[in-house]
Amino acid sequence: MHTRVPGSRQAESPYEEVVMGKIKGKADKITGKTKEELGSATGDKSMEMKGKAKKVKGHAEDTASDAAAKMRRMADKDH
């Protein structure tokens, strides 16, 4: 079940969904790195840990998008 974020739009094609996943993954990695560095610079361990978690989430989203793209390419070759 997909949850729709207010102000966002749904992907119109499976490929667009993969691209949107890659973009979300990159955005999470950037946000995470920023929070991690800000937390480190200010001594805020909580923010630093939240940043690290956000980076991990971004890497997972990126990896999932890569896997989905590979699966779609394999499916396209079969047809």
N, C-alpha and C. Protein backbone atom coordinates (compact mmCIF):
# COMPACT_ATOMS: atom_id res chain seq x y z
N MET A 1 0.84 -1.17 0.00
CA MET A 1 0.00 0.00 0.00
C MET A 1 0.89 1.24 0.00
N HIS A 2 0.66 2.12 -0.94
CA HIS A 2 1.45 3.34 -1.05
C HIS A 2 0.72 4.48 -0.36
N THR A 3 1.46 5.27 0.38
CA THR A 3 0.89 6.45 1.00
C THR A 3 1.28 7.64 0.15
N ARG A 4 0.32 8.47 -0.14
CA ARG A 4 0.59 9.62 -0.98
C ARG A 4 0.88 10.83 -0.11
N VAL A 5 1.97 11.49 -0.38
CA VAL A 5 2.36 12.69 0.35
C VAL A 5 1.60 13.87 -0.24
N PRO A 6 0.96 14.70 0.62
CA PRO A 6 0.26 15.87 0.09
C PRO A 6 1.19 16.73 -0.75
N GLY A 7 0.72 17.18 -1.87
CA GLY A 7 1.53 18.00 -2.76
C GLY A 7 2.37 17.21 -3.73
N SER A 8 2.38 15.89 -3.58
CA SER A 8 3.16 15.06 -4.50
C SER A 8 2.21 14.49 -5.55
N ARG A 9 2.79 13.89 -6.55
CA ARG A 9 1.95 13.28 -7.58
C ARG A 9 2.39 11.84 -7.77
N GLN A 10 1.50 11.06 -8.31
CA GLN A 10 1.82 9.66 -8.52
C GLN A 10 2.56 9.50 -9.84
N ALA A 11 3.41 8.51 -9.89
CA ALA A 11 4.15 8.20 -11.12
C ALA A 11 3.17 7.72 -12.18
N GLU A 12 3.40 8.14 -13.40
CA GLU A 12 2.52 7.75 -14.50
C GLU A 12 2.98 6.46 -15.16
N SER A 13 4.21 6.08 -14.95
CA SER A 13 4.73 4.85 -15.54
C SER A 13 5.66 4.17 -14.54
N PRO A 14 5.90 2.88 -14.73
CA PRO A 14 6.84 2.19 -13.84
C PRO A 14 8.24 2.81 -13.88
N TYR A 15 8.65 3.29 -15.03
CA TYR A 15 9.98 3.89 -15.14
C TYR A 15 10.04 5.21 -14.38
N GLU A 16 8.96 5.96 -14.45
CA GLU A 16 8.91 7.22 -13.72
C GLU A 16 8.96 6.95 -12.21
N GLU A 17 8.34 5.86 -11.79
CA GLU A 17 8.38 5.48 -10.38
C GLU A 17 9.81 5.19 -9.94
N VAL A 18 10.58 4.53 -10.80
CA VAL A 18 11.98 4.24 -10.50
C VAL A 18 12.77 5.55 -10.36
N VAL A 19 12.55 6.46 -11.29
CA VAL A 19 13.27 7.74 -11.26
C VAL A 19 12.90 8.52 -10.01
N MET A 20 11.61 8.52 -9.67
CA MET A 20 11.18 9.23 -8.47
C MET A 20 11.82 8.62 -7.22
N GLY A 21 11.98 7.31 -7.21
CA GLY A 21 12.64 6.63 -6.10
C GLY A 21 14.09 7.03 -5.98
N LYS A 22 14.76 7.14 -7.13
CA LYS A 22 16.17 7.56 -7.13
C LYS A 22 16.30 8.99 -6.60
N ILE A 23 15.41 9.86 -7.03
CA ILE A 23 15.44 11.26 -6.58
C ILE A 23 15.21 11.33 -5.07
N LYS A 24 14.22 10.58 -4.59
CA LYS A 24 13.92 10.58 -3.16
C LYS A 24 15.12 10.04 -2.37
N GLY A 25 15.76 8.99 -2.89
CA GLY A 25 16.93 8.43 -2.23
C GLY A 25 18.06 9.44 -2.13
N LYS A 26 18.32 10.14 -3.23
CA LYS A 26 19.39 11.15 -3.23
C LYS A 26 19.05 12.29 -2.26
N ALA A 27 17.79 12.72 -2.26
CA ALA A 27 17.38 13.81 -1.36
C ALA A 27 17.55 13.38 0.11
N ASP A 28 17.17 12.13 0.42
CA ASP A 28 17.35 11.65 1.80
C ASP A 28 18.81 11.58 2.18
N LYS A 29 19.67 11.17 1.25
CA LYS A 29 21.10 11.11 1.55
C LYS A 29 21.66 12.51 1.81
N ILE A 30 21.26 13.48 1.02
CA ILE A 30 21.74 14.85 1.20
C ILE A 30 21.24 15.43 2.52
N THR A 31 19.95 15.24 2.79
CA THR A 31 19.37 15.72 4.05
C THR A 31 20.05 15.06 5.24
N GLY A 32 20.27 13.76 5.13
CA GLY A 32 20.92 13.03 6.21
C GLY A 32 22.33 13.51 6.47
N LYS A 33 23.07 13.72 5.40
CA LYS A 33 24.45 14.18 5.55
C LYS A 33 24.48 15.56 6.21
N THR A 34 23.56 16.43 5.80
CA THR A 34 23.49 17.78 6.36
C THR A 34 23.19 17.71 7.86
N LYS A 35 22.18 16.91 8.22
CA LYS A 35 21.83 16.77 9.64
C LYS A 35 22.98 16.16 10.44
N GLU A 36 23.61 15.15 9.86
CA GLU A 36 24.72 14.50 10.55
C GLU A 36 25.85 15.49 10.81
N GLU A 37 26.22 16.25 9.81
CA GLU A 37 27.31 17.21 9.96
C GLU A 37 26.94 18.35 10.91
N LEU A 38 25.70 18.80 10.83
CA LEU A 38 25.25 19.86 11.73
C LEU A 38 25.26 19.35 13.17
N GLY A 39 24.77 18.14 13.38
CA GLY A 39 24.78 17.55 14.71
C GLY A 39 26.19 17.38 15.24
N SER A 40 27.09 16.96 14.38
CA SER A 40 28.49 16.78 14.77
C SER A 40 29.12 18.12 15.14
N ALA A 41 28.85 19.13 14.32
CA ALA A 41 29.45 20.45 14.55
C ALA A 41 28.93 21.11 15.83
N THR A 42 27.66 20.84 16.16
CA THR A 42 27.07 21.49 17.34
C THR A 42 27.10 20.60 18.58
N GLY A 43 27.58 19.36 18.43
CA GLY A 43 27.61 18.45 19.56
C GLY A 43 26.26 17.84 19.88
N ASP A 44 25.32 17.93 18.94
CA ASP A 44 23.97 17.39 19.13
C ASP A 44 23.96 15.95 18.61
N LYS A 45 24.19 15.00 19.52
CA LYS A 45 24.28 13.58 19.14
C LYS A 45 22.97 13.08 18.54
N SER A 46 21.84 13.57 19.05
CA SER A 46 20.54 13.13 18.56
C SER A 46 20.38 13.50 17.07
N MET A 47 20.71 14.74 16.74
CA MET A 47 20.61 15.17 15.34
C MET A 47 21.60 14.40 14.47
N GLU A 48 22.77 14.16 14.99
CA GLU A 48 23.79 13.41 14.25
C GLU A 48 23.28 12.00 13.93
N MET A 49 22.68 11.34 14.91
CA MET A 49 22.16 9.98 14.71
C MET A 49 20.96 9.99 13.74
N LYS A 50 20.10 11.00 13.86
CA LYS A 50 18.96 11.11 12.93
C LYS A 50 19.47 11.31 11.51
N GLY A 51 20.54 12.07 11.36
CA GLY A 51 21.13 12.28 10.05
C GLY A 51 21.69 10.99 9.48
N LYS A 52 22.36 10.22 10.32
CA LYS A 52 22.91 8.94 9.86
C LYS A 52 21.78 8.01 9.43
N ALA A 53 20.70 7.99 10.20
CA ALA A 53 19.55 7.14 9.86
C ALA A 53 18.92 7.57 8.54
N LYS A 54 18.84 8.86 8.32
CA LYS A 54 18.26 9.38 7.07
C LYS A 54 19.14 9.00 5.88
N LYS A 55 20.46 9.04 6.08
CA LYS A 55 21.37 8.62 5.00
C LYS A 55 21.18 7.15 4.67
N VAL A 56 21.04 6.32 5.68
CA VAL A 56 20.82 4.88 5.46
C VAL A 56 19.52 4.68 4.69
N LYS A 57 18.49 5.42 5.08
CA LYS A 57 17.20 5.34 4.37
C LYS A 57 17.38 5.73 2.90
N GLY A 58 18.15 6.77 2.65
CA GLY A 58 18.40 7.21 1.28
C GLY A 58 19.14 6.16 0.47
N HIS A 59 20.13 5.52 1.08
CA HIS A 59 20.86 4.45 0.39
C HIS A 59 19.93 3.28 0.07
N ALA A 60 19.05 2.95 1.02
CA ALA A 60 18.10 1.85 0.80
C ALA A 60 17.15 2.17 -0.34
N GLU A 61 16.64 3.39 -0.38
CA GLU A 61 15.73 3.83 -1.44
C GLU A 61 16.44 3.77 -2.80
N ASP A 62 17.67 4.22 -2.82
CA ASP A 62 18.48 4.20 -4.04
C ASP A 62 18.68 2.76 -4.53
N THR A 63 19.04 1.88 -3.61
CA THR A 63 19.27 0.48 -3.94
C THR A 63 17.99 -0.19 -4.44
N ALA A 64 16.88 0.10 -3.77
CA ALA A 64 15.59 -0.47 -4.19
C ALA A 64 15.21 0.01 -5.59
N SER A 65 15.47 1.28 -5.89
CA SER A 65 15.18 1.82 -7.22
C SER A 65 16.05 1.16 -8.28
N ASP A 66 17.32 0.94 -7.95
CA ASP A 66 18.22 0.26 -8.89
C ASP A 66 17.72 -1.16 -9.17
N ALA A 67 17.32 -1.86 -8.12
CA ALA A 67 16.82 -3.23 -8.28
C ALA A 67 15.55 -3.24 -9.12
N ALA A 68 14.65 -2.30 -8.87
CA ALA A 68 13.41 -2.23 -9.64
C ALA A 68 13.70 -1.96 -11.11
N ALA A 69 14.66 -1.08 -11.38
CA ALA A 69 15.01 -0.77 -12.77
C ALA A 69 15.58 -2.00 -13.46
N LYS A 70 16.43 -2.75 -12.77
CA LYS A 70 17.00 -3.96 -13.36
C LYS A 70 15.92 -5.00 -13.64
N MET A 71 14.99 -5.14 -12.72
CA MET A 71 13.89 -6.09 -12.92
C MET A 71 13.04 -5.69 -14.12
N ARG A 72 12.78 -4.40 -14.27
CA ARG A 72 11.98 -3.93 -15.41
C ARG A 72 12.72 -4.17 -16.73
N ARG A 73 14.03 -3.94 -16.73
CA ARG A 73 14.80 -4.19 -17.95
C ARG A 73 14.77 -5.67 -18.31
N MET A 74 14.89 -6.52 -17.30
CA MET A 74 14.84 -7.97 -17.56
C MET A 74 13.47 -8.37 -18.09
N ALA A 75 12.42 -7.79 -17.53
CA ALA A 75 11.06 -8.11 -17.98
C ALA A 75 10.85 -7.64 -19.41
N ASP A 76 11.41 -6.47 -19.75
CA ASP A 76 11.28 -5.94 -21.11
C ASP A 76 12.00 -6.81 -22.12
N LYS A 77 13.12 -7.40 -21.75
CA LYS A 77 13.87 -8.27 -22.66
C LYS A 77 13.09 -9.53 -22.98
N ASP A 78 12.28 -9.98 -22.03
CA ASP A 78 11.47 -11.20 -22.23
C ASP A 78 10.31 -10.98 -23.19
N HIS A 79 9.96 -9.75 -23.45
CA HIS A 79 8.81 -9.47 -24.33
C HIS A 79 9.21 -9.02 -25.67
